Amino acid sequence: MQQYYPLFILALIITITAVIQDLKTREVLNWLNFSFIAIALAYRAFYATINKNLQFFTLGLAGFIIFFLLAHILYYSKAFAGGDAKLLMGFGIILPYTSYSSLITFSLAFILLLFTIGAVYSLIYSIFIAIKNKTKFKKELAKLIKKYKLPLATLLALPIILTLTNLTTITITFSLLFLILIIYIYTKAVDTCMILLVSPNKLTEGDWILEDIKLSRGKTIKKTVHGLSLKDISLIKKAKKKILIKTGIPFTPAFLLALITMVSFFLISKVSPEQLFSSLFSQLSFLS
């Protein structure tokens, strides 16, 4: 386990820097993420060579490939921004894999941890956004509730009626559907608060625009998953045109919290990854 400490320290330094960049400028610079990936792979290669343990390097490389594919899925589905996706690739290298069989299990465990922490963090962050933009939020929330008043009323009434007939499973199902609809309405209302009209000087590479931007002389900047390029921003500055962009919740703090949680678990509990997976597999075998 000690061979992973330098990787954890590297990840901690990189992630803290990424959080600072993300909160200050709404982006994580490429040089930081590429340095993370390069140094993590170089360390694994160096350790593997000195200790004649090729698997230590190949496990890290395999982890990078898995997270590279996952990062692209999240990026093209607009779940992650480019900086978050590249940071995720680096995390694929530093995880303490024990064997090739643990690659998928540990990857899934970390992703589950990351998104669980991310969901709680995003909810708390969104509350602050709603409070900061309470007028806009209340207006959009009222509009959405009016729009979905029939399904809301139905999903609220049915569980109450079904409770009287002891149809527990169906009652729980409709209650969950009601909760999902409430979360959807809340999220849509918060999304409205994250649409900003900004001047060209405040644009950053990767900003997401809401629609194609028509400039003079027939030039058009297309809306893409990649967001604005530096060339696009230069054209907008020349046109001196304010545009609407969709901001997001900075997700790098979730990476930091997930990293601290993971490392703390192994250090405080003094459970090695080998012992963890041995316990997990024995429990799965017992259940089967």
Protein backbone atom coordinates (compact mmCIF):
# COMPACT_ATOMS: atom_id res chain seq x y z
CA MET A 1 0.00 0.00 0.00
CA GLN A 2 2.91 2.36 0.75
CA GLN A 3 3.89 2.44 -2.92
CA TYR A 4 0.63 4.34 -3.55
CA TYR A 5 1.32 7.14 -1.05
CA PRO A 6 3.28 9.28 -3.58
CA LEU A 7 0.38 8.89 -6.04
CA PHE A 8 -2.13 9.95 -3.38
CA ILE A 9 -0.01 12.99 -2.48
CA LEU A 10 0.31 13.90 -6.17
CA ALA A 11 -3.46 13.56 -6.64
CA LEU A 12 -4.10 15.71 -3.57
CA ILE A 13 -1.82 18.53 -4.79
CA ILE A 14 -3.24 18.43 -8.33
CA THR A 15 -6.86 18.28 -7.17
CA ILE A 16 -6.50 21.17 -4.70
CA THR A 17 -4.94 23.25 -7.50
CA ALA A 18 -7.77 22.20 -9.84
CA VAL A 19 -10.39 23.24 -7.26
CA ILE A 20 -8.78 26.68 -6.90
CA GLN A 21 -8.67 27.13 -10.70
CA ASP A 22 -12.24 25.90 -11.12
CA LEU A 23 -13.70 28.19 -8.46
CA LYS A 24 -11.74 31.24 -9.62
CA THR A 25 -11.90 30.90 -13.43
CA ARG A 26 -14.58 28.23 -14.11
CA GLU A 27 -12.00 26.01 -15.86
CA VAL A 28 -9.19 23.57 -15.11
CA LEU A 29 -6.19 24.25 -17.31
CA ASN A 30 -4.96 21.47 -19.59
CA TRP A 31 -1.35 21.69 -18.42
CA LEU A 32 -2.42 20.71 -14.91
CA ASN A 33 -4.35 17.61 -15.97
CA PHE A 34 -1.75 16.52 -18.54
CA SER A 35 0.99 16.92 -15.91
CA PHE A 36 -1.07 14.80 -13.52
CA ILE A 37 -1.41 12.00 -16.08
CA ALA A 38 2.25 12.15 -17.19
CA ILE A 39 3.75 12.23 -13.67
CA ALA A 40 1.45 9.46 -12.38
CA LEU A 41 2.36 7.15 -15.29
CA ALA A 42 6.06 8.06 -14.99
CA TYR A 43 6.04 7.19 -11.28
CA ARG A 44 4.38 3.83 -11.96
CA ALA A 45 6.92 3.09 -14.72
CA PHE A 46 9.85 4.09 -12.46
CA TYR A 47 8.60 2.01 -9.51
CA ALA A 48 7.89 -0.97 -11.76
CA THR A 49 11.42 -0.81 -13.23
CA ILE A 50 13.23 -0.43 -9.88
CA ASN A 51 11.22 -3.18 -8.19
CA LYS A 52 10.91 -5.41 -11.27
CA ASN A 53 7.14 -5.33 -10.91
CA LEU A 54 5.72 -4.76 -14.39
CA GLN A 55 2.16 -5.29 -13.15
CA PHE A 56 2.35 -2.09 -11.07
CA PHE A 57 2.72 -0.12 -14.30
CA THR A 58 0.31 -2.12 -16.45
CA LEU A 59 -2.44 -1.83 -13.81
CA GLY A 60 -2.08 1.95 -13.84
CA LEU A 61 -2.10 2.02 -17.64
CA ALA A 62 -5.19 -0.21 -17.74
CA GLY A 63 -6.88 2.07 -15.18
CA PHE A 64 -6.09 5.07 -17.35
CA ILE A 65 -7.65 3.37 -20.40
CA ILE A 66 -10.83 2.49 -18.47
CA PHE A 67 -11.22 6.03 -17.12
CA PHE A 68 -10.27 7.51 -20.51
CA LEU A 69 -13.27 5.75 -22.07
CA LEU A 70 -15.54 6.66 -19.17
CA ALA A 71 -14.41 10.31 -19.27
CA HIS A 72 -15.28 10.55 -22.96
CA ILE A 73 -18.75 9.11 -22.33
CA LEU A 74 -19.36 11.65 -19.56
CA TYR A 75 -17.91 14.49 -21.64
CA TYR A 76 -19.96 13.84 -24.79
CA SER A 77 -23.11 13.35 -22.73
CA LYS A 78 -22.39 16.81 -21.21
CA ALA A 79 -22.24 15.35 -17.70
CA PHE A 80 -18.62 16.51 -17.35
CA ALA A 81 -16.76 19.51 -18.66
CA GLY A 82 -13.42 18.94 -20.39
CA GLY A 83 -11.34 19.73 -17.30
CA ASP A 84 -13.33 17.33 -15.13
CA ALA A 85 -13.04 14.58 -17.74
CA LYS A 86 -9.24 14.91 -17.96
CA LEU A 87 -8.96 14.98 -14.16
CA LEU A 88 -10.94 11.74 -14.04
CA MET A 89 -8.41 10.13 -16.41
CA GLY A 90 -5.64 10.95 -13.94
CA PHE A 91 -7.59 9.34 -11.10
CA GLY A 92 -7.75 6.17 -13.16
CA ILE A 93 -3.97 5.89 -12.79
CA ILE A 94 -3.59 6.56 -9.05
CA LEU A 95 -6.20 4.14 -7.69
CA PRO A 96 -4.64 1.28 -5.66
CA TYR A 97 -5.53 -1.67 -7.87
CA THR A 98 -4.45 -5.04 -6.48
CA SER A 99 -4.85 -7.22 -9.55
CA TYR A 100 -6.41 -7.24 -13.01
CA SER A 101 -9.61 -8.68 -11.54
CA SER A 102 -9.85 -5.68 -9.18
CA LEU A 103 -9.66 -3.12 -12.00
CA ILE A 104 -13.37 -3.07 -12.76
CA THR A 105 -14.46 -3.53 -9.14
CA PHE A 106 -12.28 -0.74 -7.77
CA SER A 107 -13.12 1.55 -10.70
CA LEU A 108 -16.83 1.07 -10.12
CA ALA A 109 -16.40 1.57 -6.37
CA PHE A 110 -14.57 4.85 -6.87
CA ILE A 111 -17.08 6.11 -9.47
CA LEU A 112 -19.93 5.25 -7.09
CA LEU A 113 -18.14 7.12 -4.29
CA LEU A 114 -17.42 10.11 -6.55
CA PHE A 115 -20.99 10.43 -7.80
CA THR A 116 -22.53 9.87 -4.36
CA ILE A 117 -20.40 12.63 -2.87
CA GLY A 118 -20.93 14.69 -6.03
CA ALA A 119 -24.72 14.40 -5.75
CA VAL A 120 -24.76 15.60 -2.13
CA TYR A 121 -22.27 18.38 -2.88
CA SER A 122 -24.18 19.49 -6.00
CA LEU A 123 -27.46 19.60 -4.07
CA ILE A 124 -25.93 21.81 -1.36
CA TYR A 125 -24.26 24.04 -3.98
CA SER A 126 -27.52 24.34 -5.93
CA ILE A 127 -29.33 25.55 -2.80
CA PHE A 128 -26.89 28.45 -2.55
CA ILE A 129 -27.47 29.23 -6.25
CA ALA A 130 -31.24 29.21 -5.70
CA ILE A 131 -30.93 31.52 -2.68
CA LYS A 132 -28.59 33.87 -4.55
CA ASN A 133 -31.04 34.06 -7.47
CA LYS A 134 -34.23 33.64 -5.43
CA THR A 135 -36.42 35.91 -7.58
CA LYS A 136 -35.50 34.14 -10.80
CA PHE A 137 -35.66 30.74 -9.10
CA LYS A 138 -39.12 31.31 -7.58
CA LYS A 139 -40.51 32.56 -10.89
CA GLU A 140 -39.22 29.51 -12.82
CA LEU A 141 -40.27 27.11 -10.05
CA ALA A 142 -43.83 28.46 -10.06
CA LYS A 143 -43.96 28.16 -13.85
CA LEU A 144 -42.77 24.52 -13.76
CA ILE A 145 -45.14 23.54 -10.95
CA LYS A 146 -48.03 25.00 -12.96
CA LYS A 147 -46.83 23.11 -16.05
CA TYR A 148 -46.61 19.78 -14.21
CA LYS A 149 -49.48 20.30 -11.76
CA LEU A 150 -51.52 17.36 -13.09
CA PRO A 151 -48.80 14.66 -12.82
CA LEU A 152 -47.71 16.17 -9.48
CA ALA A 153 -51.24 16.00 -8.08
CA THR A 154 -51.72 12.47 -9.45
CA LEU A 155 -48.43 11.14 -8.07
CA LEU A 156 -49.14 12.78 -4.72
CA ALA A 157 -52.72 11.52 -4.42
CA LEU A 158 -52.16 7.93 -5.58
CA PRO A 159 -49.79 6.88 -2.76
CA ILE A 160 -52.23 8.26 -0.19
CA ILE A 161 -55.13 6.31 -1.74
CA LEU A 162 -53.07 3.14 -2.23
CA THR A 163 -51.86 3.21 1.38
CA LEU A 164 -55.45 2.56 2.45
CA THR A 165 -55.54 -0.59 0.29
CA ASN A 166 -52.19 -1.91 1.65
CA LEU A 167 -50.61 -2.00 -1.81
CA THR A 168 -47.18 -1.22 -0.37
CA THR A 169 -45.01 -1.88 -3.42
CA ILE A 170 -47.13 0.21 -5.77
CA THR A 171 -47.37 2.96 -3.14
CA ILE A 172 -43.58 3.12 -2.83
CA THR A 173 -43.23 3.17 -6.62
CA PHE A 174 -45.56 6.14 -7.06
CA SER A 175 -43.92 7.92 -4.10
CA LEU A 176 -40.52 7.52 -5.77
CA LEU A 177 -41.91 8.80 -9.07
CA PHE A 178 -43.28 11.85 -7.24
CA LEU A 179 -39.87 12.46 -5.64
CA ILE A 180 -38.11 12.10 -9.02
CA LEU A 181 -40.49 14.63 -10.59
CA ILE A 182 -39.90 17.07 -7.71
CA ILE A 183 -36.12 16.73 -8.16
CA TYR A 184 -36.51 17.24 -11.91
CA ILE A 185 -38.57 20.43 -11.42
CA TYR A 186 -36.11 21.75 -8.84
CA THR A 187 -33.13 21.01 -11.11
CA LYS A 188 -34.77 22.73 -14.10
CA ALA A 189 -35.49 25.79 -11.96
CA VAL A 190 -31.88 25.92 -10.75
CA ASP A 191 -30.63 25.47 -14.33
CA THR A 192 -32.41 28.70 -15.27
CA CYS A 193 -30.37 30.51 -12.61
CA MET A 194 -27.16 29.28 -14.26
CA ILE A 195 -27.93 30.90 -17.62
CA LEU A 196 -25.98 34.15 -17.73
CA LEU A 197 -25.68 37.03 -20.17
CA VAL A 198 -21.95 37.80 -20.25
CA SER A 199 -19.68 40.25 -22.02
CA PRO A 200 -16.99 38.88 -24.38
CA ASN A 201 -14.18 39.71 -21.92
CA LYS A 202 -15.63 37.30 -19.36
CA LEU A 203 -15.81 34.32 -21.73
CA THR A 204 -13.50 31.34 -21.21
CA GLU A 205 -12.59 28.46 -23.49
CA GLY A 206 -15.16 25.67 -23.24
CA ASP A 207 -18.11 27.87 -22.21
CA TRP A 208 -21.39 26.32 -23.37
CA ILE A 209 -23.64 28.53 -25.48
CA LEU A 210 -27.40 28.01 -25.60
CA GLU A 211 -27.78 28.37 -29.38
CA ASP A 212 -25.84 29.22 -32.53
CA ILE A 213 -24.46 32.76 -32.50
CA LYS A 214 -24.91 34.78 -35.68
CA LEU A 215 -22.21 37.37 -36.25
CA SER A 216 -21.78 39.95 -39.00
CA ARG A 217 -20.87 39.07 -42.60
CA GLY A 218 -22.71 35.75 -42.43
CA LYS A 219 -20.42 34.22 -39.81
CA THR A 220 -22.02 31.80 -37.36
CA ILE A 221 -20.58 30.16 -34.26
CA LYS A 222 -22.13 26.72 -33.92
CA LYS A 223 -23.26 25.26 -30.62
CA THR A 224 -21.16 22.13 -29.94
CA VAL A 225 -20.42 19.79 -27.05
CA HIS A 226 -16.89 21.24 -26.91
CA GLY A 227 -18.15 24.75 -26.09
CA LEU A 228 -16.46 27.91 -27.28
CA SER A 229 -12.95 27.79 -28.70
CA LEU A 230 -10.38 30.56 -28.35
CA LYS A 231 -11.06 31.44 -32.00
CA ASP A 232 -14.80 31.71 -31.27
CA ILE A 233 -14.14 33.99 -28.32
CA SER A 234 -11.88 36.17 -30.47
CA LEU A 235 -14.68 36.59 -33.07
CA ILE A 236 -17.22 37.44 -30.36
CA LYS A 237 -14.86 40.05 -28.90
CA LYS A 238 -14.48 41.64 -32.30
CA ALA A 239 -18.26 41.75 -32.66
CA LYS A 240 -18.53 43.24 -29.13
CA LYS A 241 -21.58 41.09 -28.54
CA LYS A 242 -22.92 39.88 -25.19
CA ILE A 243 -24.08 36.27 -25.29
CA LEU A 244 -25.98 33.80 -23.15
CA ILE A 245 -23.95 30.93 -21.71
CA LYS A 246 -24.85 27.99 -19.51
CA THR A 247 -22.62 27.71 -16.46
CA GLY A 248 -22.39 24.60 -14.35
CA ILE A 249 -21.67 23.60 -10.78
CA PRO A 250 -17.87 23.29 -10.34
CA PHE A 251 -17.38 19.55 -9.80
CA THR A 252 -13.70 19.45 -8.82
CA PRO A 253 -14.52 19.75 -5.07
CA ALA A 254 -16.30 16.39 -5.38
CA PHE A 255 -13.04 14.85 -6.65
CA LEU A 256 -11.18 16.28 -3.65
CA LEU A 257 -13.78 14.98 -1.17
CA ALA A 258 -13.82 11.55 -2.82
CA LEU A 259 -10.01 11.34 -2.73
CA ILE A 260 -9.87 12.33 0.96
CA THR A 261 -12.64 9.84 1.78
CA MET A 262 -10.92 6.98 -0.06
CA VAL A 263 -7.45 7.58 1.40
CA SER A 264 -8.83 8.17 4.90
CA PHE A 265 -10.70 4.87 4.74
CA PHE A 266 -7.54 2.91 4.02
CA LEU A 267 -5.37 4.84 6.50
CA ILE A 268 -7.79 4.94 9.44
CA SER A 269 -9.24 1.46 9.04
CA LYS A 270 -5.78 0.07 8.16
CA VAL A 271 -7.48 -2.18 5.64
CA SER A 272 -5.38 -2.91 2.57
CA PRO A 273 -7.00 -3.04 -0.88
CA GLU A 274 -6.24 -6.80 -0.89
CA GLN A 275 -8.19 -7.31 2.35
CA LEU A 276 -11.03 -5.12 1.10
CA PHE A 277 -11.49 -7.08 -2.11
CA SER A 278 -11.09 -10.40 -0.34
CA SER A 279 -13.92 -9.39 2.02
CA LEU A 280 -16.11 -8.14 -0.84
CA PHE A 281 -15.66 -11.31 -2.89
CA SER A 282 -16.32 -13.56 0.11
CA GLN A 283 -19.58 -11.68 0.83
CA LEU A 284 -20.64 -11.93 -2.81
CA SER A 285 -19.88 -15.68 -2.78
CA PHE A 286 -21.94 -16.09 0.40
CA LEU A 287 -24.91 -14.22 -1.13
CA SER A 288 -24.79 -16.33 -4.28
